[in-house]
N, C-alpha and C. Protein backbone atom coordinates (compact mmCIF):
# COMPACT_ATOMS: atom_id res chain seq x y z
N ALA A 1 98.94 101.76 102.56
CA ALA A 1 97.68 101.08 102.76
C ALA A 1 97.62 100.45 104.15
N ILE A 2 98.76 100.03 104.69
CA ILE A 2 98.78 99.48 106.05
C ILE A 2 98.36 100.56 107.04
N ASN A 3 98.83 101.80 106.85
CA ASN A 3 98.42 102.90 107.73
C ASN A 3 96.91 103.13 107.65
N ASP A 4 96.32 102.95 106.47
CA ASP A 4 94.88 103.09 106.33
C ASP A 4 94.16 102.05 107.17
N LEU A 5 94.66 100.82 107.19
CA LEU A 5 94.04 99.76 107.98
C LEU A 5 94.17 100.06 109.47
N LYS A 6 95.32 100.58 109.90
CA LYS A 6 95.50 100.96 111.30
C LYS A 6 94.53 102.07 111.69
N ALA A 7 94.35 103.04 110.79
CA ALA A 7 93.41 104.13 111.06
C ALA A 7 91.99 103.60 111.20
N LEU A 8 91.62 102.64 110.35
CA LEU A 8 90.29 102.04 110.45
C LEU A 8 90.09 101.36 111.80
N ASP A 9 91.09 100.60 112.25
CA ASP A 9 91.01 99.92 113.53
C ASP A 9 90.89 100.91 114.68
N GLN A 10 91.67 102.00 114.66
CA GLN A 10 91.63 102.99 115.74
C GLN A 10 90.28 103.67 115.81
N VAL A 11 89.72 104.05 114.68
CA VAL A 11 88.42 104.71 114.67
C VAL A 11 87.33 103.75 115.11
N ALA A 12 87.43 102.50 114.69
CA ALA A 12 86.42 101.51 115.07
C ALA A 12 86.39 101.33 116.58
N MET A 13 87.57 101.34 117.22
CA MET A 13 87.63 101.18 118.67
C MET A 13 87.05 102.41 119.37
N ALA A 14 87.19 103.59 118.77
CA ALA A 14 86.68 104.81 119.37
C ALA A 14 85.18 104.95 119.18
N GLY A 15 84.58 104.18 118.28
CA GLY A 15 83.15 104.27 118.01
C GLY A 15 82.87 105.37 117.00
N GLY A 16 81.72 105.33 116.38
CA GLY A 16 81.34 106.33 115.39
C GLY A 16 80.14 105.85 114.63
N ALA A 17 79.43 106.80 114.03
CA ALA A 17 78.23 106.47 113.28
C ALA A 17 78.61 106.01 111.88
N LYS A 18 78.38 104.74 111.62
CA LYS A 18 78.69 104.20 110.30
C LYS A 18 77.44 104.23 109.43
N ARG A 19 77.68 104.46 108.13
CA ARG A 19 76.61 104.46 107.14
C ARG A 19 76.89 103.38 106.12
N VAL A 20 75.88 103.04 105.33
CA VAL A 20 76.04 102.13 104.21
C VAL A 20 76.15 102.99 102.95
N LEU A 21 77.25 102.83 102.23
CA LEU A 21 77.51 103.59 101.00
C LEU A 21 77.35 102.64 99.82
N THR A 22 76.50 103.02 98.86
CA THR A 22 76.16 102.09 97.78
C THR A 22 76.60 102.57 96.39
N THR A 23 77.27 103.70 96.32
CA THR A 23 77.84 104.15 95.04
C THR A 23 79.29 104.57 95.28
N VAL A 24 80.08 104.49 94.24
CA VAL A 24 81.48 104.93 94.34
C VAL A 24 81.54 106.41 94.66
N ASP A 25 80.68 107.21 94.04
CA ASP A 25 80.67 108.65 94.32
C ASP A 25 80.41 108.92 95.80
N ALA A 26 79.51 108.16 96.41
CA ALA A 26 79.22 108.35 97.84
C ALA A 26 80.48 108.10 98.68
N VAL A 27 81.27 107.10 98.32
CA VAL A 27 82.52 106.82 99.05
C VAL A 27 83.52 107.96 98.81
N ARG A 28 83.65 108.41 97.58
CA ARG A 28 84.61 109.47 97.24
C ARG A 28 84.27 110.80 97.90
N ARG A 29 83.00 111.03 98.21
CA ARG A 29 82.58 112.31 98.77
C ARG A 29 82.81 112.43 100.29
N VAL A 30 83.06 111.33 100.96
CA VAL A 30 83.31 111.43 102.41
C VAL A 30 84.72 111.98 102.63
N GLY A 31 84.90 112.77 103.64
CA GLY A 31 86.23 113.29 103.97
C GLY A 31 87.11 112.21 104.55
N PRO A 32 88.42 112.48 104.67
CA PRO A 32 89.35 111.46 105.18
C PRO A 32 88.98 110.93 106.57
N ARG A 33 88.61 111.82 107.49
CA ARG A 33 88.25 111.36 108.84
C ARG A 33 86.98 110.54 108.82
N ASP A 34 86.02 110.98 108.02
CA ASP A 34 84.76 110.25 107.90
C ASP A 34 85.01 108.89 107.24
N ALA A 35 85.84 108.86 106.21
CA ALA A 35 86.17 107.60 105.53
C ALA A 35 86.85 106.63 106.49
N ALA A 36 87.64 107.17 107.41
CA ALA A 36 88.35 106.33 108.38
C ALA A 36 87.40 105.64 109.37
N LEU A 37 86.14 106.06 109.42
CA LEU A 37 85.17 105.37 110.28
C LEU A 37 84.89 103.95 109.79
N GLY A 38 85.26 103.66 108.56
CA GLY A 38 85.03 102.33 108.03
C GLY A 38 83.57 102.10 107.69
N HIS A 39 82.96 103.07 106.99
CA HIS A 39 81.57 102.90 106.57
C HIS A 39 81.43 101.63 105.74
N ILE A 40 80.30 101.00 105.85
CA ILE A 40 80.02 99.80 105.07
C ILE A 40 79.86 100.21 103.61
N VAL A 41 80.55 99.51 102.73
CA VAL A 41 80.47 99.80 101.29
C VAL A 41 79.93 98.57 100.57
N GLN A 42 78.90 98.78 99.76
CA GLN A 42 78.32 97.73 98.92
C GLN A 42 78.10 98.34 97.54
N VAL A 43 78.99 98.04 96.60
CA VAL A 43 78.87 98.61 95.26
C VAL A 43 78.95 97.53 94.20
N ARG A 44 78.39 97.85 93.07
CA ARG A 44 78.47 97.01 91.87
C ARG A 44 79.07 97.90 90.78
N GLY A 45 80.10 97.41 90.12
CA GLY A 45 80.73 98.20 89.08
C GLY A 45 81.61 97.34 88.20
N ARG A 46 82.34 98.02 87.31
CA ARG A 46 83.24 97.30 86.39
C ARG A 46 84.69 97.54 86.79
N LEU A 47 85.46 96.49 86.70
CA LEU A 47 86.90 96.61 86.96
C LEU A 47 87.55 97.37 85.82
N THR A 48 88.36 98.37 86.17
CA THR A 48 89.14 99.08 85.15
C THR A 48 90.62 98.75 85.28
N LEU A 49 91.00 98.17 86.41
CA LEU A 49 92.40 97.76 86.61
C LEU A 49 92.42 96.59 87.59
N VAL A 50 93.24 95.60 87.28
CA VAL A 50 93.49 94.48 88.18
C VAL A 50 95.01 94.37 88.29
N ASP A 51 95.54 94.62 89.48
CA ASP A 51 96.99 94.56 89.69
C ASP A 51 97.26 93.62 90.86
N ARG A 52 97.44 92.36 90.55
CA ARG A 52 97.66 91.35 91.59
C ARG A 52 98.93 91.59 92.41
N PRO A 53 100.08 91.92 91.78
CA PRO A 53 101.28 92.12 92.60
C PRO A 53 101.12 93.22 93.66
N TRP A 54 100.33 94.24 93.38
CA TRP A 54 100.14 95.33 94.34
C TRP A 54 98.83 95.18 95.11
N ASN A 55 98.12 94.06 94.96
CA ASN A 55 96.86 93.82 95.67
C ASN A 55 95.86 94.96 95.53
N MET A 56 95.74 95.46 94.31
CA MET A 56 94.81 96.57 94.14
C MET A 56 93.98 96.41 92.89
N LEU A 57 92.82 97.01 92.96
CA LEU A 57 91.87 97.03 91.86
C LEU A 57 91.39 98.46 91.70
N MET A 58 90.86 98.77 90.56
CA MET A 58 90.12 100.00 90.36
C MET A 58 88.76 99.57 89.85
N VAL A 59 87.73 100.13 90.44
CA VAL A 59 86.35 99.80 90.09
C VAL A 59 85.63 101.09 89.75
N GLN A 60 84.83 101.03 88.71
CA GLN A 60 84.05 102.20 88.30
C GLN A 60 82.60 101.79 88.15
N ASP A 61 81.70 102.53 88.83
CA ASP A 61 80.27 102.32 88.61
C ASP A 61 79.76 103.46 87.75
N ASP A 62 78.45 103.67 87.72
CA ASP A 62 77.89 104.74 86.89
C ASP A 62 78.20 106.14 87.43
N THR A 63 78.76 106.23 88.64
CA THR A 63 78.99 107.54 89.25
C THR A 63 80.45 107.98 89.24
N ALA A 64 81.41 107.06 89.35
CA ALA A 64 82.83 107.43 89.44
C ALA A 64 83.68 106.16 89.52
N GLY A 65 85.00 106.36 89.59
CA GLY A 65 85.94 105.27 89.78
C GLY A 65 86.63 105.41 91.13
N ILE A 66 87.18 104.30 91.64
CA ILE A 66 87.79 104.32 92.97
C ILE A 66 88.86 103.24 93.09
N TYR A 67 89.85 103.50 93.95
CA TYR A 67 90.91 102.56 94.30
C TYR A 67 90.33 101.55 95.29
N VAL A 68 90.62 100.27 95.07
CA VAL A 68 90.16 99.21 95.95
C VAL A 68 91.37 98.43 96.44
N PHE A 69 91.57 98.40 97.75
CA PHE A 69 92.65 97.64 98.37
C PHE A 69 92.14 96.22 98.56
N ALA A 70 92.77 95.25 97.87
CA ALA A 70 92.23 93.89 97.82
C ALA A 70 92.92 92.88 98.73
N SER A 71 93.92 93.28 99.51
CA SER A 71 94.64 92.29 100.30
C SER A 71 93.90 91.86 101.56
N GLN A 72 92.78 92.50 101.87
CA GLN A 72 92.02 92.13 103.06
C GLN A 72 90.78 91.30 102.73
N LEU A 73 90.72 90.76 101.51
CA LEU A 73 89.59 89.92 101.14
C LEU A 73 89.50 88.71 102.07
N ALA A 74 88.29 88.31 102.40
CA ALA A 74 88.06 87.12 103.23
C ALA A 74 88.27 85.84 102.44
N HIS A 75 88.57 85.96 101.17
CA HIS A 75 88.77 84.81 100.28
C HIS A 75 89.85 85.19 99.27
N ALA A 76 90.28 84.23 98.49
CA ALA A 76 91.27 84.52 97.44
C ALA A 76 90.64 85.43 96.39
N LEU A 77 91.45 86.29 95.81
CA LEU A 77 90.96 87.14 94.73
C LEU A 77 90.52 86.26 93.57
N PRO A 78 89.24 86.36 93.16
CA PRO A 78 88.79 85.50 92.07
C PRO A 78 89.46 85.89 90.75
N ASP A 79 89.36 84.99 89.79
CA ASP A 79 89.88 85.27 88.46
C ASP A 79 89.07 86.44 87.90
N CYS A 80 89.73 87.54 87.64
CA CYS A 80 89.04 88.72 87.14
C CYS A 80 89.97 89.51 86.24
N ARG A 81 89.36 90.35 85.41
CA ARG A 81 90.13 91.17 84.48
C ARG A 81 89.37 92.45 84.21
N PRO A 82 90.05 93.46 83.65
CA PRO A 82 89.35 94.72 83.33
C PRO A 82 88.12 94.46 82.47
N GLY A 83 87.04 95.15 82.83
CA GLY A 83 85.76 94.97 82.14
C GLY A 83 84.83 94.03 82.87
N GLY A 84 85.36 93.28 83.85
CA GLY A 84 84.53 92.38 84.64
C GLY A 84 83.58 93.16 85.53
N VAL A 85 82.35 92.68 85.63
CA VAL A 85 81.36 93.28 86.52
C VAL A 85 81.48 92.58 87.86
N VAL A 86 81.63 93.39 88.92
CA VAL A 86 81.83 92.82 90.25
C VAL A 86 80.84 93.41 91.24
N GLU A 87 80.51 92.60 92.23
CA GLU A 87 79.79 93.06 93.41
C GLU A 87 80.82 93.06 94.52
N LEU A 88 80.95 94.18 95.18
CA LEU A 88 82.03 94.41 96.13
C LEU A 88 81.46 94.83 97.47
N GLU A 89 81.97 94.22 98.54
CA GLU A 89 81.60 94.60 99.90
C GLU A 89 82.87 94.88 100.68
N GLY A 90 82.83 95.89 101.52
CA GLY A 90 83.99 96.22 102.32
C GLY A 90 83.71 97.44 103.17
N GLU A 91 84.78 98.18 103.47
CA GLU A 91 84.68 99.39 104.28
C GLU A 91 85.38 100.53 103.56
N SER A 92 84.97 101.73 103.90
CA SER A 92 85.65 102.91 103.39
C SER A 92 86.96 103.09 104.15
N GLY A 93 87.92 103.70 103.49
CA GLY A 93 89.20 104.03 104.11
C GLY A 93 89.65 105.38 103.59
N PRO A 94 90.49 106.09 104.34
CA PRO A 94 90.88 107.45 103.93
C PRO A 94 91.77 107.50 102.70
N GLY A 95 92.50 106.44 102.40
CA GLY A 95 93.40 106.47 101.25
C GLY A 95 94.50 107.50 101.42
N GLU A 96 95.40 107.57 100.46
CA GLU A 96 96.48 108.55 100.51
C GLU A 96 96.12 109.82 99.78
N PHE A 97 95.29 109.72 98.71
CA PHE A 97 94.94 110.89 97.91
C PHE A 97 93.45 111.14 97.86
N ALA A 98 92.67 110.11 98.06
CA ALA A 98 91.21 110.19 98.02
C ALA A 98 90.69 108.97 98.79
N PRO A 99 89.45 109.02 99.23
CA PRO A 99 88.90 107.84 99.91
C PRO A 99 88.99 106.60 99.03
N MET A 100 89.07 105.46 99.68
CA MET A 100 89.22 104.19 98.98
C MET A 100 88.29 103.16 99.60
N ILE A 101 88.26 101.98 99.00
CA ILE A 101 87.49 100.86 99.55
C ILE A 101 88.47 99.78 99.98
N VAL A 102 88.32 99.30 101.21
CA VAL A 102 89.06 98.13 101.68
C VAL A 102 88.11 96.96 101.48
N ALA A 103 88.40 96.14 100.49
CA ALA A 103 87.48 95.06 100.10
C ALA A 103 87.56 93.89 101.06
N ARG A 104 86.41 93.34 101.41
CA ARG A 104 86.32 92.12 102.21
C ARG A 104 85.78 90.97 101.38
N ARG A 105 84.84 91.27 100.46
CA ARG A 105 84.27 90.26 99.56
C ARG A 105 84.15 90.85 98.17
N LEU A 106 84.46 90.03 97.18
CA LEU A 106 84.35 90.46 95.79
C LEU A 106 83.85 89.28 94.97
N LYS A 107 82.78 89.50 94.23
CA LYS A 107 82.20 88.45 93.41
C LYS A 107 82.11 88.95 91.97
N VAL A 108 82.66 88.18 91.05
CA VAL A 108 82.55 88.50 89.63
C VAL A 108 81.21 87.98 89.15
N VAL A 109 80.37 88.87 88.58
CA VAL A 109 79.03 88.47 88.17
C VAL A 109 78.80 88.60 86.66
N GLY A 110 79.82 88.98 85.92
CA GLY A 110 79.67 89.10 84.47
C GLY A 110 80.84 89.83 83.86
N HIS A 111 80.71 90.11 82.57
CA HIS A 111 81.74 90.87 81.85
C HIS A 111 81.06 91.73 80.80
N GLU A 112 81.26 93.05 80.90
CA GLU A 112 80.65 93.99 79.95
C GLU A 112 81.68 94.79 79.18
N GLY A 113 82.95 94.59 79.43
CA GLY A 113 83.97 95.43 78.83
C GLY A 113 84.17 96.69 79.65
N LEU A 114 85.16 97.46 79.25
CA LEU A 114 85.47 98.68 80.00
C LEU A 114 84.40 99.74 79.82
N PRO A 115 84.15 100.56 80.85
CA PRO A 115 83.24 101.69 80.67
C PRO A 115 83.90 102.72 79.75
N ALA A 116 83.12 103.65 79.27
CA ALA A 116 83.67 104.70 78.42
C ALA A 116 84.61 105.58 79.23
N ALA A 117 85.77 105.86 78.67
CA ALA A 117 86.71 106.79 79.30
C ALA A 117 86.28 108.21 78.95
N HIS A 118 86.53 109.14 79.85
CA HIS A 118 86.22 110.53 79.49
C HIS A 118 87.50 111.28 79.15
N GLN A 119 87.36 112.24 78.26
CA GLN A 119 88.50 113.04 77.80
C GLN A 119 88.95 113.97 78.91
N THR A 120 90.26 114.09 79.08
CA THR A 120 90.81 115.01 80.08
C THR A 120 92.11 115.60 79.56
N ASP A 121 92.79 116.36 80.39
CA ASP A 121 94.08 116.93 79.99
C ASP A 121 95.10 116.72 81.10
N LEU A 122 96.35 116.95 80.76
CA LEU A 122 97.45 116.69 81.68
C LEU A 122 97.36 117.53 82.95
N GLY A 123 96.87 118.76 82.83
CA GLY A 123 96.73 119.62 84.01
C GLY A 123 95.82 118.99 85.06
N ARG A 124 94.71 118.41 84.63
CA ARG A 124 93.80 117.75 85.57
C ARG A 124 94.44 116.50 86.18
N LEU A 125 95.26 115.81 85.37
CA LEU A 125 95.96 114.64 85.90
C LEU A 125 96.95 115.06 86.98
N LEU A 126 97.73 116.10 86.70
CA LEU A 126 98.73 116.57 87.66
C LEU A 126 98.09 117.08 88.95
N ALA A 127 96.91 117.68 88.84
CA ALA A 127 96.22 118.21 90.01
C ALA A 127 95.55 117.11 90.84
N GLY A 128 95.52 115.88 90.34
CA GLY A 128 94.90 114.79 91.08
C GLY A 128 93.39 114.72 90.92
N VAL A 129 92.82 115.57 90.07
CA VAL A 129 91.36 115.61 89.89
C VAL A 129 90.83 114.30 89.32
N GLU A 130 91.65 113.63 88.54
CA GLU A 130 91.20 112.40 87.87
C GLU A 130 91.62 111.13 88.61
N ASP A 131 91.97 111.24 89.88
CA ASP A 131 92.40 110.08 90.65
C ASP A 131 91.40 108.94 90.52
N SER A 132 91.88 107.78 90.13
CA SER A 132 91.10 106.54 90.02
C SER A 132 90.07 106.52 88.90
N GLN A 133 90.12 107.48 87.99
CA GLN A 133 89.16 107.53 86.89
C GLN A 133 89.76 106.95 85.62
N LEU A 134 88.93 106.36 84.80
CA LEU A 134 89.36 105.88 83.49
C LEU A 134 89.27 107.08 82.55
N VAL A 135 90.41 107.49 82.01
CA VAL A 135 90.46 108.71 81.20
C VAL A 135 91.14 108.46 79.86
N GLU A 136 90.95 109.40 78.96
CA GLU A 136 91.61 109.40 77.67
C GLU A 136 92.15 110.81 77.47
N PHE A 137 93.39 110.92 77.00
CA PHE A 137 93.96 112.24 76.79
C PHE A 137 95.02 112.17 75.71
N ASP A 138 95.35 113.34 75.18
CA ASP A 138 96.39 113.45 74.17
C ASP A 138 97.67 113.91 74.84
N GLY A 139 98.78 113.35 74.42
CA GLY A 139 100.07 113.74 74.98
C GLY A 139 101.19 113.08 74.20
N VAL A 140 102.39 113.45 74.57
CA VAL A 140 103.58 112.89 73.94
C VAL A 140 104.30 112.04 74.97
N VAL A 141 104.59 110.80 74.61
CA VAL A 141 105.35 109.93 75.50
C VAL A 141 106.81 110.31 75.38
N ARG A 142 107.40 110.75 76.49
CA ARG A 142 108.80 111.18 76.50
C ARG A 142 109.74 110.12 77.05
N ASP A 143 109.19 109.21 77.84
CA ASP A 143 110.03 108.22 78.52
C ASP A 143 109.17 107.00 78.83
N ILE A 144 109.72 105.82 78.63
CA ILE A 144 109.03 104.58 79.00
C ILE A 144 110.01 103.72 79.77
N THR A 145 109.61 103.33 80.97
CA THR A 145 110.43 102.44 81.79
C THR A 145 109.52 101.43 82.46
N ARG A 146 110.12 100.50 83.17
CA ARG A 146 109.36 99.54 83.97
C ARG A 146 109.90 99.58 85.39
N ASP A 147 108.99 99.42 86.36
CA ASP A 147 109.43 99.37 87.75
C ASP A 147 109.87 97.94 88.07
N ASN A 148 110.21 97.69 89.35
CA ASN A 148 110.73 96.38 89.72
C ASN A 148 109.69 95.26 89.68
N GLN A 149 108.40 95.62 89.49
CA GLN A 149 107.36 94.61 89.34
C GLN A 149 106.78 94.60 87.93
N ASN A 150 107.54 95.17 87.00
CA ASN A 150 107.23 95.15 85.58
C ASN A 150 106.03 96.01 85.19
N HIS A 151 105.68 97.01 86.01
CA HIS A 151 104.63 97.95 85.63
C HIS A 151 105.22 98.96 84.65
N LEU A 152 104.47 99.28 83.63
CA LEU A 152 104.90 100.26 82.64
C LEU A 152 104.76 101.66 83.23
N MET A 153 105.84 102.44 83.20
CA MET A 153 105.84 103.80 83.73
C MET A 153 106.13 104.75 82.56
N LEU A 154 105.29 105.77 82.42
CA LEU A 154 105.43 106.70 81.31
C LEU A 154 105.76 108.10 81.79
N GLY A 155 106.63 108.78 81.05
CA GLY A 155 106.85 110.21 81.22
C GLY A 155 106.13 110.87 80.07
N LEU A 156 105.18 111.76 80.36
CA LEU A 156 104.33 112.35 79.34
C LEU A 156 104.44 113.87 79.32
N SER A 157 104.11 114.45 78.18
CA SER A 157 103.98 115.90 78.09
C SER A 157 102.79 116.22 77.20
N HIS A 158 102.23 117.40 77.44
CA HIS A 158 101.12 117.89 76.64
C HIS A 158 101.17 119.41 76.72
N ALA A 159 101.19 120.05 75.56
CA ALA A 159 101.28 121.51 75.49
C ALA A 159 102.49 121.96 76.29
N THR A 160 102.29 122.74 77.36
CA THR A 160 103.42 123.27 78.14
C THR A 160 103.68 122.48 79.41
N GLU A 161 102.93 121.41 79.64
CA GLU A 161 103.08 120.67 80.89
C GLU A 161 103.75 119.33 80.66
N ARG A 162 104.55 118.93 81.64
CA ARG A 162 105.21 117.62 81.59
C ARG A 162 104.91 116.87 82.88
N MET A 163 104.85 115.58 82.75
CA MET A 163 104.64 114.74 83.90
C MET A 163 105.79 113.74 83.91
N GLN A 164 106.62 113.85 84.91
CA GLN A 164 107.76 112.95 85.04
C GLN A 164 107.33 111.72 85.83
N ARG A 165 107.93 110.58 85.53
CA ARG A 165 107.56 109.37 86.27
C ARG A 165 107.92 109.49 87.73
N SER A 166 108.90 110.35 88.06
CA SER A 166 109.25 110.54 89.46
C SER A 166 108.27 111.44 90.19
N GLY A 167 107.30 112.01 89.46
CA GLY A 167 106.32 112.91 90.06
C GLY A 167 105.24 112.20 90.84
N GLY A 168 105.24 110.89 90.89
CA GLY A 168 104.27 110.17 91.70
C GLY A 168 103.05 109.70 90.94
N LEU A 169 102.86 110.12 89.70
CA LEU A 169 101.73 109.62 88.94
C LEU A 169 102.12 108.35 88.24
N GLN A 170 101.31 107.36 88.34
CA GLN A 170 101.59 106.08 87.70
C GLN A 170 100.48 105.83 86.69
N HIS A 171 100.86 105.48 85.51
CA HIS A 171 99.89 105.23 84.45
C HIS A 171 99.92 103.77 84.09
N ARG A 172 98.77 103.21 83.98
CA ARG A 172 98.64 101.83 83.57
C ARG A 172 97.77 101.82 82.33
N LEU A 173 98.34 101.46 81.22
CA LEU A 173 97.58 101.45 79.98
C LEU A 173 96.62 100.27 79.99
N VAL A 174 95.40 100.56 79.65
CA VAL A 174 94.41 99.50 79.59
C VAL A 174 94.36 99.05 78.13
N PRO A 175 93.35 99.31 77.33
CA PRO A 175 93.50 98.91 75.93
C PRO A 175 94.07 100.06 75.11
N VAL A 176 94.61 99.73 73.96
CA VAL A 176 95.14 100.73 73.04
C VAL A 176 94.30 100.65 71.77
N ARG A 177 93.89 101.79 71.25
CA ARG A 177 93.17 101.79 69.98
C ARG A 177 93.81 102.79 69.04
N ARG A 178 93.76 102.54 67.77
CA ARG A 178 94.32 103.45 66.77
C ARG A 178 93.35 104.57 66.50
N ALA A 179 93.87 105.80 66.45
CA ALA A 179 93.06 106.94 66.04
C ALA A 179 92.99 106.97 64.52
N GLU A 180 92.30 107.95 63.99
CA GLU A 180 92.16 108.06 62.54
C GLU A 180 93.53 108.19 61.86
N ASP A 181 94.45 108.89 62.49
CA ASP A 181 95.80 109.08 61.94
C ASP A 181 96.62 107.85 62.33
N PRO A 182 97.06 107.03 61.38
CA PRO A 182 97.79 105.81 61.73
C PRO A 182 99.13 106.07 62.41
N LYS A 183 99.63 107.30 62.37
CA LYS A 183 100.89 107.62 63.05
C LYS A 183 100.66 107.96 64.52
N THR A 184 99.41 108.13 64.91
CA THR A 184 99.07 108.55 66.26
C THR A 184 98.41 107.39 66.99
N LEU A 185 98.86 107.13 68.18
CA LEU A 185 98.20 106.15 69.04
C LEU A 185 97.42 106.90 70.10
N ARG A 186 96.21 106.45 70.38
CA ARG A 186 95.43 107.00 71.49
C ARG A 186 95.45 105.96 72.58
N TYR A 187 95.70 106.38 73.78
CA TYR A 187 95.74 105.46 74.90
C TYR A 187 94.55 105.72 75.80
N ARG A 188 93.92 104.65 76.21
CA ARG A 188 92.93 104.76 77.26
C ARG A 188 93.71 104.45 78.52
N ASP A 189 93.75 105.39 79.42
CA ASP A 189 94.69 105.33 80.52
C ASP A 189 93.97 105.36 81.84
N PHE A 190 94.51 104.66 82.80
CA PHE A 190 94.00 104.69 84.15
C PHE A 190 95.03 105.39 85.01
N VAL A 191 94.63 106.35 85.80
CA VAL A 191 95.57 107.18 86.55
C VAL A 191 95.43 106.94 88.03
N GLU A 192 96.55 106.74 88.67
CA GLU A 192 96.60 106.70 90.13
C GLU A 192 97.66 107.69 90.54
N LYS A 193 97.29 108.63 91.40
CA LYS A 193 98.27 109.61 91.88
C LYS A 193 98.80 109.15 93.21
């Protein structure tokens, strides 16, 4: 994320045509070089992840979800939790896997609960297609560990595919709900590649 901030500064010094982006999908659709221009971002959406130790948030509006780098806020991160409705201002950044938002201001304006997760499969997760999206999928938990900051790390498999925790995908479980079969747990999962 520090390299993303350096890239923003370099592009800003070189000049470029900045736009105002008002949906998460609009930010996600810009290419890495275009995102590095630091377009103005003004979005309203719901928090799907709040990770204070890593200074990151995930926000989803009606169009998509996105990674939000929160360490550059002009103020302290307000008290917030998944499902909170936020108004967010900042700049676009290239991110490591997809464009991201570098937040400068964040205001919590309500709480509506989490948006609906969409069904996906492990292949789409491994391909990075679901980066920053709130998803739901079926799989078998093969391994559970914690990293040095107490984040839950899962090794998963589904059909013929496996996802190892060393593969770079990190899963953060949001809420857990019981499926019709009491022996089966369904996880609503947030994926960051």
